[in-house]
């Protein structure tokens, strides 16, 4: 494919329009040779890859320290974290690349009024929980959240832990009341 350019040259006493034809397909040799633009693009992609490198387990421990969350290593890739502001001591973090799973085991499911209890959990999921959701696993109520470790940062981890701690502090007694009402 050929493109045509019209160049306006200022040659006194009058302007001359000159037609220049140029192929838009590079010759074989120039196609293989890296241009400055291609090299800059390649360098930018390399910098982006380094900037968004996968967060490691060590990075997560640094984030927890930086945020001031007391924690203990349960096993490799699993931590028990406390949220002292909300008096919650059993937030479990599990590193399962490509995600970090945050989980709080809340309570057993009540024996009676289950339908009302489930409805309340669903309403809370839809309206009141900024991070995570209530779930049910093996007759237990759990509160979970997941974070992508590919681009996880300290602020995102802190917001998730704070949200889980706040949710437990805010709704535990209300949910526990379903046991007394049975």
N, C-alpha and C. Protein backbone atom coordinates (compact mmCIF):
# COMPACT_ATOMS: atom_id res chain seq x y z
N UNK A 1 0.84 -1.17 0.00
CA UNK A 1 0.00 0.00 0.00
C UNK A 1 0.89 1.24 0.00
N UNK A 2 0.56 2.16 -0.83
CA UNK A 2 1.35 3.38 -0.93
C UNK A 2 0.51 4.55 -0.44
N UNK A 3 1.16 5.45 0.27
CA UNK A 3 0.47 6.67 0.69
C UNK A 3 1.09 7.84 -0.03
N UNK A 4 0.30 8.84 -0.20
CA UNK A 4 0.79 10.03 -0.90
C UNK A 4 0.76 11.21 0.06
N UNK A 5 1.84 11.96 0.07
CA UNK A 5 1.93 13.16 0.89
C UNK A 5 2.11 14.33 -0.04
N UNK A 6 1.50 15.41 0.30
CA UNK A 6 1.69 16.64 -0.46
C UNK A 6 2.42 17.62 0.44
N UNK A 7 3.56 18.03 0.01
CA UNK A 7 4.38 18.95 0.78
C UNK A 7 4.31 20.33 0.15
N UNK A 8 4.12 21.29 0.99
CA UNK A 8 4.09 22.66 0.52
C UNK A 8 5.48 23.26 0.74
N UNK A 9 6.12 23.64 -0.31
CA UNK A 9 7.45 24.24 -0.18
C UNK A 9 7.34 25.72 -0.47
N UNK A 10 8.08 26.45 0.24
CA UNK A 10 8.08 27.91 0.07
C UNK A 10 9.30 28.32 -0.75
N UNK A 11 9.17 28.24 -2.03
CA UNK A 11 10.24 28.69 -2.93
C UNK A 11 9.80 30.00 -3.56
N UNK A 12 10.47 31.05 -3.26
CA UNK A 12 10.08 32.32 -3.88
C UNK A 12 10.24 32.21 -5.38
N UNK A 13 9.50 32.81 -6.16
CA UNK A 13 8.45 33.76 -5.85
C UNK A 13 7.09 33.11 -5.62
N UNK A 14 6.93 31.80 -5.78
CA UNK A 14 5.61 31.21 -5.56
C UNK A 14 5.77 29.90 -4.82
N UNK A 15 4.70 29.45 -4.20
CA UNK A 15 4.72 28.18 -3.49
C UNK A 15 4.49 27.05 -4.47
N UNK A 16 5.22 25.98 -4.27
CA UNK A 16 5.10 24.82 -5.15
C UNK A 16 4.60 23.65 -4.31
N UNK A 17 3.62 22.96 -4.82
CA UNK A 17 3.15 21.75 -4.15
C UNK A 17 3.84 20.58 -4.80
N UNK A 18 4.49 19.77 -3.96
CA UNK A 18 5.27 18.66 -4.45
C UNK A 18 4.62 17.37 -3.96
N UNK A 19 4.42 16.42 -4.83
CA UNK A 19 3.82 15.14 -4.49
C UNK A 19 4.93 14.16 -4.14
N UNK A 20 4.76 13.49 -2.99
CA UNK A 20 5.77 12.52 -2.57
C UNK A 20 5.05 11.21 -2.29
N UNK A 21 5.50 10.13 -2.88
CA UNK A 21 4.89 8.82 -2.68
C UNK A 21 5.80 8.00 -1.79
N UNK A 22 5.16 7.33 -0.81
CA UNK A 22 5.95 6.57 0.14
C UNK A 22 5.18 5.30 0.48
N UNK A 23 5.87 4.19 0.59
CA UNK A 23 5.24 2.94 0.96
C UNK A 23 5.03 2.91 2.47
N UNK A 24 3.84 2.47 2.90
CA UNK A 24 3.58 2.38 4.34
C UNK A 24 4.10 1.08 4.92
N UNK A 25 4.49 0.16 4.07
CA UNK A 25 5.05 -1.09 4.55
C UNK A 25 6.56 -0.93 4.66
N UNK A 26 7.12 -1.21 5.84
CA UNK A 26 8.57 -1.05 5.97
C UNK A 26 9.29 -2.14 5.21
N UNK A 27 10.48 -1.82 4.76
CA UNK A 27 11.25 -2.86 4.11
C UNK A 27 11.65 -3.90 5.16
N UNK A 28 12.06 -5.06 4.71
CA UNK A 28 12.31 -6.18 5.60
C UNK A 28 13.36 -5.87 6.66
N UNK A 29 14.41 -5.17 6.29
CA UNK A 29 15.48 -4.90 7.24
C UNK A 29 15.04 -3.93 8.34
N UNK A 30 14.30 -2.88 7.97
CA UNK A 30 13.89 -1.92 8.99
C UNK A 30 12.81 -2.50 9.91
N UNK A 31 12.06 -3.48 9.45
CA UNK A 31 11.04 -4.12 10.28
C UNK A 31 11.68 -4.90 11.42
N UNK A 32 12.85 -5.46 11.18
CA UNK A 32 13.54 -6.23 12.21
C UNK A 32 14.34 -5.36 13.17
N UNK A 33 14.74 -4.21 12.73
CA UNK A 33 15.58 -3.33 13.52
C UNK A 33 14.71 -2.57 14.53
N UNK A 34 15.05 -2.62 15.84
CA UNK A 34 14.23 -1.92 16.83
C UNK A 34 14.37 -0.40 16.66
N UNK A 35 13.25 0.24 16.60
CA UNK A 35 13.27 1.69 16.51
C UNK A 35 13.28 2.26 17.92
N UNK A 36 13.52 3.53 18.02
CA UNK A 36 13.53 4.19 19.33
C UNK A 36 12.15 4.06 19.98
N UNK A 37 11.10 4.20 19.17
CA UNK A 37 9.74 4.11 19.69
C UNK A 37 9.43 2.70 20.21
N UNK A 38 9.84 1.68 19.44
CA UNK A 38 9.63 0.29 19.89
C UNK A 38 10.39 0.02 21.17
N UNK A 39 11.61 0.52 21.27
CA UNK A 39 12.42 0.31 22.46
C UNK A 39 11.79 0.99 23.67
N UNK A 40 11.28 2.20 23.50
CA UNK A 40 10.63 2.90 24.60
C UNK A 40 9.38 2.15 25.06
N UNK A 41 8.63 1.64 24.12
CA UNK A 41 7.43 0.88 24.45
C UNK A 41 7.79 -0.39 25.22
N UNK A 42 8.84 -1.07 24.77
CA UNK A 42 9.30 -2.28 25.45
C UNK A 42 9.74 -1.94 26.88
N UNK A 43 10.50 -0.86 27.04
CA UNK A 43 10.96 -0.47 28.37
C UNK A 43 9.79 -0.13 29.28
N UNK A 44 8.77 0.53 28.76
CA UNK A 44 7.59 0.87 29.56
C UNK A 44 6.87 -0.39 30.02
N UNK A 45 6.75 -1.38 29.13
CA UNK A 45 6.11 -2.65 29.52
C UNK A 45 6.91 -3.35 30.61
N UNK A 46 8.23 -3.32 30.51
CA UNK A 46 9.08 -3.96 31.53
C UNK A 46 8.90 -3.27 32.88
N UNK A 47 8.87 -1.93 32.89
CA UNK A 47 8.67 -1.20 34.14
C UNK A 47 7.31 -1.53 34.75
N UNK A 48 6.29 -1.63 33.93
CA UNK A 48 4.95 -1.95 34.43
C UNK A 48 4.92 -3.34 35.04
N UNK A 49 5.59 -4.29 34.42
CA UNK A 49 5.64 -5.65 34.98
C UNK A 49 6.29 -5.65 36.35
N UNK A 50 7.40 -4.91 36.49
CA UNK A 50 8.07 -4.85 37.79
C UNK A 50 7.21 -4.16 38.82
N UNK A 51 6.51 -3.11 38.42
CA UNK A 51 5.69 -2.34 39.35
C UNK A 51 4.51 -3.18 39.86
N UNK A 52 3.97 -4.05 39.02
CA UNK A 52 2.82 -4.86 39.41
C UNK A 52 3.21 -6.31 39.64
N UNK A 53 4.38 -6.51 40.21
CA UNK A 53 4.83 -7.87 40.50
C UNK A 53 3.94 -8.47 41.58
N UNK A 54 3.82 -9.78 41.56
CA UNK A 54 3.00 -10.50 42.51
C UNK A 54 3.50 -10.25 43.94
N UNK A 55 2.58 -9.95 44.83
CA UNK A 55 2.91 -9.74 46.23
C UNK A 55 3.25 -11.10 46.85
N UNK A 56 4.32 -11.14 47.62
CA UNK A 56 4.76 -12.40 48.23
C UNK A 56 4.21 -12.52 49.65
N UNK A 57 4.41 -13.68 50.25
CA UNK A 57 3.99 -13.88 51.64
C UNK A 57 4.76 -12.94 52.56
N UNK A 58 6.02 -12.73 52.26
CA UNK A 58 6.84 -11.81 53.05
C UNK A 58 6.27 -10.39 52.98
N UNK A 59 5.83 -9.98 51.79
CA UNK A 59 5.23 -8.65 51.62
C UNK A 59 3.97 -8.51 52.49
N UNK A 60 3.18 -9.56 52.56
CA UNK A 60 1.96 -9.52 53.37
C UNK A 60 2.30 -9.31 54.84
N UNK A 61 3.34 -9.99 55.32
CA UNK A 61 3.76 -9.81 56.71
C UNK A 61 4.24 -8.38 56.95
N UNK A 62 4.94 -7.82 55.99
CA UNK A 62 5.38 -6.42 56.11
C UNK A 62 4.16 -5.49 56.16
N UNK A 63 3.18 -5.74 55.30
CA UNK A 63 1.96 -4.93 55.30
C UNK A 63 1.25 -5.01 56.66
N UNK A 64 1.15 -6.22 57.21
CA UNK A 64 0.49 -6.40 58.50
C UNK A 64 1.23 -5.62 59.59
N UNK A 65 2.56 -5.69 59.58
CA UNK A 65 3.37 -4.92 60.54
C UNK A 65 3.15 -3.43 60.36
N UNK A 66 3.21 -2.97 59.11
CA UNK A 66 3.04 -1.54 58.82
C UNK A 66 1.67 -1.02 59.28
N UNK A 67 0.65 -1.87 59.18
CA UNK A 67 -0.70 -1.47 59.58
C UNK A 67 -0.92 -1.58 61.08
N UNK A 68 0.00 -2.23 61.78
CA UNK A 68 -0.13 -2.38 63.22
C UNK A 68 -1.07 -3.49 63.64
N UNK A 69 -1.28 -4.48 62.77
CA UNK A 69 -2.13 -5.62 63.13
C UNK A 69 -1.26 -6.70 63.76
N UNK A 70 -1.54 -7.07 65.02
CA UNK A 70 -0.82 -8.20 65.60
C UNK A 70 -1.19 -9.47 64.82
N UNK A 71 -0.20 -10.32 64.57
CA UNK A 71 -0.48 -11.56 63.84
C UNK A 71 0.47 -12.65 64.28
N UNK A 72 0.04 -13.87 64.00
CA UNK A 72 0.93 -15.01 64.22
C UNK A 72 0.88 -15.88 62.98
N UNK A 73 2.02 -16.48 62.65
CA UNK A 73 2.09 -17.38 61.51
C UNK A 73 1.60 -18.75 61.98
N UNK A 74 0.51 -19.22 61.40
CA UNK A 74 -0.05 -20.52 61.76
C UNK A 74 0.71 -21.62 61.02
N UNK A 75 0.90 -21.43 59.74
CA UNK A 75 1.74 -22.30 58.91
C UNK A 75 2.11 -21.48 57.68
N UNK A 76 2.86 -22.06 56.77
CA UNK A 76 3.30 -21.29 55.61
C UNK A 76 2.09 -20.79 54.81
N UNK A 77 2.02 -19.48 54.66
CA UNK A 77 0.94 -18.87 53.89
C UNK A 77 -0.35 -18.70 54.65
N UNK A 78 -0.35 -18.96 55.96
CA UNK A 78 -1.56 -18.79 56.78
C UNK A 78 -1.20 -18.00 58.04
N UNK A 79 -1.99 -16.94 58.28
CA UNK A 79 -1.76 -16.08 59.43
C UNK A 79 -3.06 -15.91 60.21
N UNK A 80 -2.94 -15.80 61.53
CA UNK A 80 -4.08 -15.41 62.37
C UNK A 80 -3.83 -13.96 62.76
N UNK A 81 -4.76 -13.09 62.40
CA UNK A 81 -4.58 -11.65 62.57
C UNK A 81 -5.62 -11.14 63.56
N UNK A 82 -5.21 -10.15 64.35
CA UNK A 82 -6.12 -9.49 65.28
C UNK A 82 -6.44 -8.09 64.76
N UNK A 83 -7.66 -7.68 65.02
CA UNK A 83 -8.07 -6.30 64.75
C UNK A 83 -8.39 -5.67 66.10
N UNK A 84 -7.36 -5.14 66.78
CA UNK A 84 -7.55 -4.66 68.15
C UNK A 84 -8.60 -3.54 68.27
N UNK A 85 -8.74 -2.72 67.26
CA UNK A 85 -9.74 -1.64 67.31
C UNK A 85 -11.16 -2.19 67.45
N UNK A 86 -11.38 -3.38 66.91
CA UNK A 86 -12.72 -3.99 66.93
C UNK A 86 -12.80 -5.19 67.86
N UNK A 87 -11.71 -5.48 68.57
CA UNK A 87 -11.65 -6.60 69.51
C UNK A 87 -11.94 -7.94 68.83
N UNK A 88 -11.42 -8.11 67.62
CA UNK A 88 -11.59 -9.36 66.87
C UNK A 88 -10.22 -10.02 66.78
N UNK A 89 -10.14 -11.28 67.21
CA UNK A 89 -8.83 -11.94 67.29
C UNK A 89 -8.67 -13.14 66.37
N UNK A 90 -9.66 -13.42 65.55
CA UNK A 90 -9.58 -14.66 64.76
C UNK A 90 -9.77 -14.44 63.26
N UNK A 91 -9.14 -13.42 62.71
CA UNK A 91 -9.19 -13.22 61.26
C UNK A 91 -8.07 -14.07 60.67
N UNK A 92 -8.43 -15.00 59.82
CA UNK A 92 -7.45 -15.90 59.20
C UNK A 92 -7.17 -15.43 57.78
N UNK A 93 -5.90 -15.25 57.47
CA UNK A 93 -5.47 -14.90 56.12
C UNK A 93 -4.81 -16.14 55.52
N UNK A 94 -5.20 -16.48 54.32
CA UNK A 94 -4.65 -17.65 53.64
C UNK A 94 -4.19 -17.24 52.24
N UNK A 95 -2.90 -17.38 52.00
CA UNK A 95 -2.29 -17.01 50.72
C UNK A 95 -2.47 -18.19 49.77
N UNK A 96 -3.35 -18.02 48.79
CA UNK A 96 -3.62 -19.06 47.80
C UNK A 96 -3.52 -18.41 46.43
N UNK A 97 -2.28 -18.23 45.98
CA UNK A 97 -2.03 -17.51 44.73
C UNK A 97 -2.99 -17.96 43.64
N UNK A 98 -3.69 -17.08 43.01
CA UNK A 98 -3.50 -15.64 42.87
C UNK A 98 -4.34 -14.80 43.83
N UNK A 99 -4.90 -15.39 44.90
CA UNK A 99 -5.71 -14.59 45.82
C UNK A 99 -5.22 -14.72 47.25
N UNK A 100 -5.62 -13.76 48.06
CA UNK A 100 -5.45 -13.81 49.50
C UNK A 100 -6.86 -13.91 50.06
N UNK A 101 -7.13 -14.99 50.77
CA UNK A 101 -8.45 -15.23 51.35
C UNK A 101 -8.43 -14.76 52.80
N UNK A 102 -9.38 -13.92 53.17
CA UNK A 102 -9.54 -13.46 54.55
C UNK A 102 -10.83 -14.08 55.07
N UNK A 103 -10.78 -14.62 56.29
CA UNK A 103 -11.93 -15.39 56.78
C UNK A 103 -12.06 -15.24 58.29
N UNK A 104 -13.30 -15.11 58.73
CA UNK A 104 -13.61 -15.10 60.16
C UNK A 104 -14.69 -16.14 60.39
N UNK A 105 -14.42 -17.11 61.27
CA UNK A 105 -15.45 -18.06 61.68
C UNK A 105 -16.27 -17.39 62.78
N UNK A 106 -17.56 -17.16 62.52
CA UNK A 106 -18.37 -16.40 63.46
C UNK A 106 -19.08 -17.26 64.49
N UNK A 107 -19.90 -18.17 64.02
CA UNK A 107 -20.75 -18.93 64.94
C UNK A 107 -21.39 -20.09 64.19
N UNK A 108 -21.99 -21.00 64.94
CA UNK A 108 -22.79 -22.05 64.33
C UNK A 108 -24.12 -21.45 63.87
N UNK A 109 -24.77 -22.16 62.97
CA UNK A 109 -26.09 -21.73 62.51
C UNK A 109 -27.10 -22.08 63.60
N UNK A 110 -28.05 -21.20 63.89
CA UNK A 110 -29.04 -21.51 64.93
C UNK A 110 -29.92 -22.70 64.51
N UNK A 111 -30.41 -23.42 65.50
CA UNK A 111 -31.23 -24.60 65.22
C UNK A 111 -32.63 -24.23 64.74
N UNK A 112 -33.14 -23.09 65.18
CA UNK A 112 -34.49 -22.67 64.78
C UNK A 112 -34.40 -21.31 64.07
N UNK A 113 -35.50 -20.96 63.43
CA UNK A 113 -35.61 -19.69 62.70
C UNK A 113 -34.48 -19.51 61.69
N UNK A 114 -34.10 -20.59 61.06
CA UNK A 114 -33.00 -20.52 60.09
C UNK A 114 -33.33 -19.64 58.90
N UNK A 115 -34.57 -19.75 58.43
CA UNK A 115 -34.94 -18.97 57.25
C UNK A 115 -34.80 -17.46 57.53
N UNK A 116 -35.25 -17.02 58.68
CA UNK A 116 -35.12 -15.61 59.05
C UNK A 116 -33.66 -15.23 59.21
N UNK A 117 -32.89 -16.13 59.79
CA UNK A 117 -31.45 -15.90 59.98
C UNK A 117 -30.75 -15.76 58.63
N UNK A 118 -31.04 -16.68 57.70
CA UNK A 118 -30.43 -16.63 56.37
C UNK A 118 -30.82 -15.34 55.64
N UNK A 119 -32.09 -14.96 55.78
CA UNK A 119 -32.56 -13.74 55.13
C UNK A 119 -31.79 -12.52 55.66
N UNK A 120 -31.56 -12.50 56.97
CA UNK A 120 -30.81 -11.37 57.55
C UNK A 120 -29.38 -11.33 57.03
N UNK A 121 -28.74 -12.50 56.90
CA UNK A 121 -27.37 -12.54 56.36
C UNK A 121 -27.34 -12.01 54.93
N UNK A 122 -28.33 -12.41 54.13
CA UNK A 122 -28.38 -11.94 52.74
C UNK A 122 -28.60 -10.43 52.67
N UNK A 123 -29.47 -9.92 53.53
CA UNK A 123 -29.70 -8.46 53.56
C UNK A 123 -28.43 -7.71 53.96
N UNK A 124 -27.71 -8.23 54.94
CA UNK A 124 -26.45 -7.59 55.34
C UNK A 124 -25.45 -7.61 54.19
N UNK A 125 -25.37 -8.74 53.48
CA UNK A 125 -24.45 -8.83 52.33
C UNK A 125 -24.77 -7.75 51.29
N UNK A 126 -26.05 -7.53 51.07
CA UNK A 126 -26.46 -6.61 50.01
C UNK A 126 -26.33 -5.14 50.40
N UNK A 127 -26.43 -4.83 51.68
CA UNK A 127 -26.54 -3.42 52.04
C UNK A 127 -25.47 -2.88 52.98
N UNK A 128 -24.90 -3.70 53.83
CA UNK A 128 -24.10 -3.14 54.93
C UNK A 128 -22.64 -3.54 54.98
N UNK A 129 -22.19 -4.39 54.09
CA UNK A 129 -20.81 -4.88 54.19
C UNK A 129 -20.00 -4.36 53.02
N UNK A 130 -19.05 -3.45 53.28
CA UNK A 130 -18.27 -2.89 52.17
C UNK A 130 -17.26 -3.86 51.56
N UNK A 131 -16.69 -4.73 52.38
CA UNK A 131 -15.74 -5.74 51.89
C UNK A 131 -16.21 -7.11 52.34
N UNK A 132 -16.21 -8.07 51.45
CA UNK A 132 -16.52 -9.44 51.82
C UNK A 132 -18.01 -9.73 51.87
N UNK A 133 -18.31 -10.90 52.44
CA UNK A 133 -19.70 -11.35 52.51
C UNK A 133 -19.82 -12.45 53.56
N UNK A 134 -21.02 -12.59 54.10
CA UNK A 134 -21.31 -13.71 54.97
C UNK A 134 -21.53 -14.94 54.11
N UNK A 135 -21.15 -16.09 54.64
CA UNK A 135 -21.38 -17.35 53.96
C UNK A 135 -21.65 -18.43 54.99
N UNK A 136 -21.98 -19.60 54.50
CA UNK A 136 -22.23 -20.74 55.38
C UNK A 136 -21.38 -21.90 54.91
N UNK A 137 -20.68 -22.49 55.86
CA UNK A 137 -19.83 -23.64 55.54
C UNK A 137 -19.89 -24.62 56.71
N UNK A 138 -20.29 -25.84 56.42
CA UNK A 138 -20.37 -26.89 57.44
C UNK A 138 -21.12 -26.44 58.70
N UNK A 139 -22.33 -25.92 58.50
CA UNK A 139 -23.19 -25.49 59.61
C UNK A 139 -22.59 -24.34 60.42
N UNK A 140 -21.66 -23.60 59.82
CA UNK A 140 -21.06 -22.44 60.49
C UNK A 140 -21.22 -21.20 59.62
N UNK A 141 -21.41 -20.07 60.28
CA UNK A 141 -21.46 -18.78 59.59
C UNK A 141 -20.03 -18.26 59.51
N UNK A 142 -19.62 -17.90 58.31
CA UNK A 142 -18.28 -17.34 58.10
C UNK A 142 -18.42 -15.98 57.41
N UNK A 143 -17.44 -15.15 57.63
CA UNK A 143 -17.35 -13.86 56.95
C UNK A 143 -16.06 -13.92 56.14
N UNK A 144 -16.16 -13.74 54.83
CA UNK A 144 -14.97 -13.89 53.98
C UNK A 144 -14.79 -12.68 53.07
N UNK A 145 -13.56 -12.52 52.64
CA UNK A 145 -13.22 -11.53 51.61
C UNK A 145 -12.05 -12.12 50.84
N UNK A 146 -11.93 -11.77 49.58
CA UNK A 146 -10.79 -12.20 48.77
C UNK A 146 -10.16 -10.97 48.12
N UNK A 147 -8.84 -11.00 48.03
CA UNK A 147 -8.09 -9.92 47.40
C UNK A 147 -7.14 -10.52 46.38
N UNK A 148 -7.01 -9.88 45.25
CA UNK A 148 -6.05 -10.32 44.23
C UNK A 148 -4.65 -9.95 44.69
N UNK A 149 -3.73 -10.92 44.75
CA UNK A 149 -2.38 -10.60 45.21
C UNK A 149 -1.52 -9.99 44.11
N UNK A 150 -1.98 -10.04 42.87
CA UNK A 150 -1.18 -9.52 41.77
C UNK A 150 -0.87 -8.04 41.94
N UNK A 151 -1.83 -7.27 42.42
CA UNK A 151 -1.59 -5.84 42.60
C UNK A 151 -2.04 -5.36 43.97
N UNK A 152 -1.97 -6.23 44.96
CA UNK A 152 -2.37 -5.91 46.33
C UNK A 152 -1.43 -4.87 46.92
N UNK A 153 -1.99 -3.89 47.61
CA UNK A 153 -1.15 -2.94 48.33
C UNK A 153 -1.57 -2.89 49.80
N UNK A 154 -0.78 -2.22 50.59
CA UNK A 154 -0.99 -2.16 52.03
C UNK A 154 -2.36 -1.57 52.37
N UNK A 155 -2.75 -0.50 51.70
CA UNK A 155 -4.03 0.15 51.99
C UNK A 155 -5.22 -0.76 51.73
N UNK A 156 -5.15 -1.53 50.66
CA UNK A 156 -6.24 -2.45 50.33
C UNK A 156 -6.36 -3.55 51.39
N UNK A 157 -5.22 -4.09 51.82
CA UNK A 157 -5.24 -5.12 52.86
C UNK A 157 -5.79 -4.55 54.16
N UNK A 158 -5.33 -3.37 54.53
CA UNK A 158 -5.80 -2.74 55.76
C UNK A 158 -7.31 -2.48 55.71
N UNK A 159 -7.80 -1.98 54.59
CA UNK A 159 -9.24 -1.70 54.45
C UNK A 159 -10.06 -2.98 54.59
N UNK A 160 -9.57 -4.07 54.03
CA UNK A 160 -10.30 -5.33 54.10
C UNK A 160 -10.34 -5.86 55.54
N UNK A 161 -9.19 -5.86 56.22
CA UNK A 161 -9.15 -6.34 57.60
C UNK A 161 -10.00 -5.45 58.50
N UNK A 162 -9.89 -4.14 58.34
CA UNK A 162 -10.71 -3.21 59.13
C UNK A 162 -12.20 -3.45 58.90
N UNK A 163 -12.57 -3.67 57.65
CA UNK A 163 -13.97 -3.90 57.33
C UNK A 163 -14.50 -5.19 57.95
N UNK A 164 -13.71 -6.26 57.88
CA UNK A 164 -14.14 -7.51 58.49
C UNK A 164 -14.27 -7.34 60.00
N UNK A 165 -13.28 -6.71 60.62
CA UNK A 165 -13.34 -6.48 62.07
C UNK A 165 -14.55 -5.63 62.46
N UNK A 166 -14.80 -4.58 61.70
CA UNK A 166 -15.95 -3.71 61.97
C UNK A 166 -17.26 -4.48 61.81
N UNK A 167 -17.36 -5.29 60.77
CA UNK A 167 -18.59 -6.05 60.52
C UNK A 167 -18.86 -7.02 61.67
N UNK A 168 -17.82 -7.71 62.14
CA UNK A 168 -18.00 -8.62 63.27
C UNK A 168 -18.45 -7.84 64.51
N UNK A 169 -17.76 -6.75 64.81
CA UNK A 169 -18.11 -5.95 65.98
C UNK A 169 -19.53 -5.40 65.88
N UNK A 170 -19.92 -5.00 64.70
CA UNK A 170 -21.23 -4.37 64.49
C UNK A 170 -22.39 -5.37 64.57
N UNK A 171 -22.22 -6.59 64.03
CA UNK A 171 -23.37 -7.49 63.84
C UNK A 171 -23.32 -8.80 64.63
N UNK A 172 -22.24 -9.07 65.33
CA UNK A 172 -22.14 -10.35 66.05
C UNK A 172 -23.27 -10.50 67.07
N UNK A 173 -23.49 -9.50 67.90
CA UNK A 173 -24.53 -9.62 68.94
C UNK A 173 -25.92 -9.75 68.33
N UNK A 174 -26.17 -9.03 67.24
CA UNK A 174 -27.47 -9.15 66.57
C UNK A 174 -27.68 -10.57 66.06
N UNK A 175 -26.66 -11.14 65.44
CA UNK A 175 -26.79 -12.51 64.91
C UNK A 175 -26.86 -13.53 66.04
N UNK A 176 -26.14 -13.29 67.11
CA UNK A 176 -26.15 -14.22 68.25
C UNK A 176 -27.53 -14.24 68.91
N UNK A 177 -28.29 -13.16 68.77
CA UNK A 177 -29.63 -13.08 69.37
C UNK A 177 -30.57 -14.14 68.79
N UNK A 178 -30.30 -14.63 67.59
CA UNK A 178 -31.14 -15.68 67.00
C UNK A 178 -31.07 -16.96 67.82
N UNK A 179 -30.01 -17.16 68.57
CA UNK A 179 -29.90 -18.34 69.42
C UNK A 179 -30.77 -18.18 70.67
N UNK A 180 -30.82 -16.99 71.22
CA UNK A 180 -31.63 -16.75 72.42
C UNK A 180 -33.12 -16.78 72.08
N UNK A 181 -33.45 -16.41 70.87
CA UNK A 181 -34.86 -16.37 70.46
C UNK A 181 -35.41 -17.75 70.16
N UNK A 182 -34.55 -18.77 70.08
CA UNK A 182 -35.04 -20.09 69.71
C UNK A 182 -35.77 -20.79 70.81
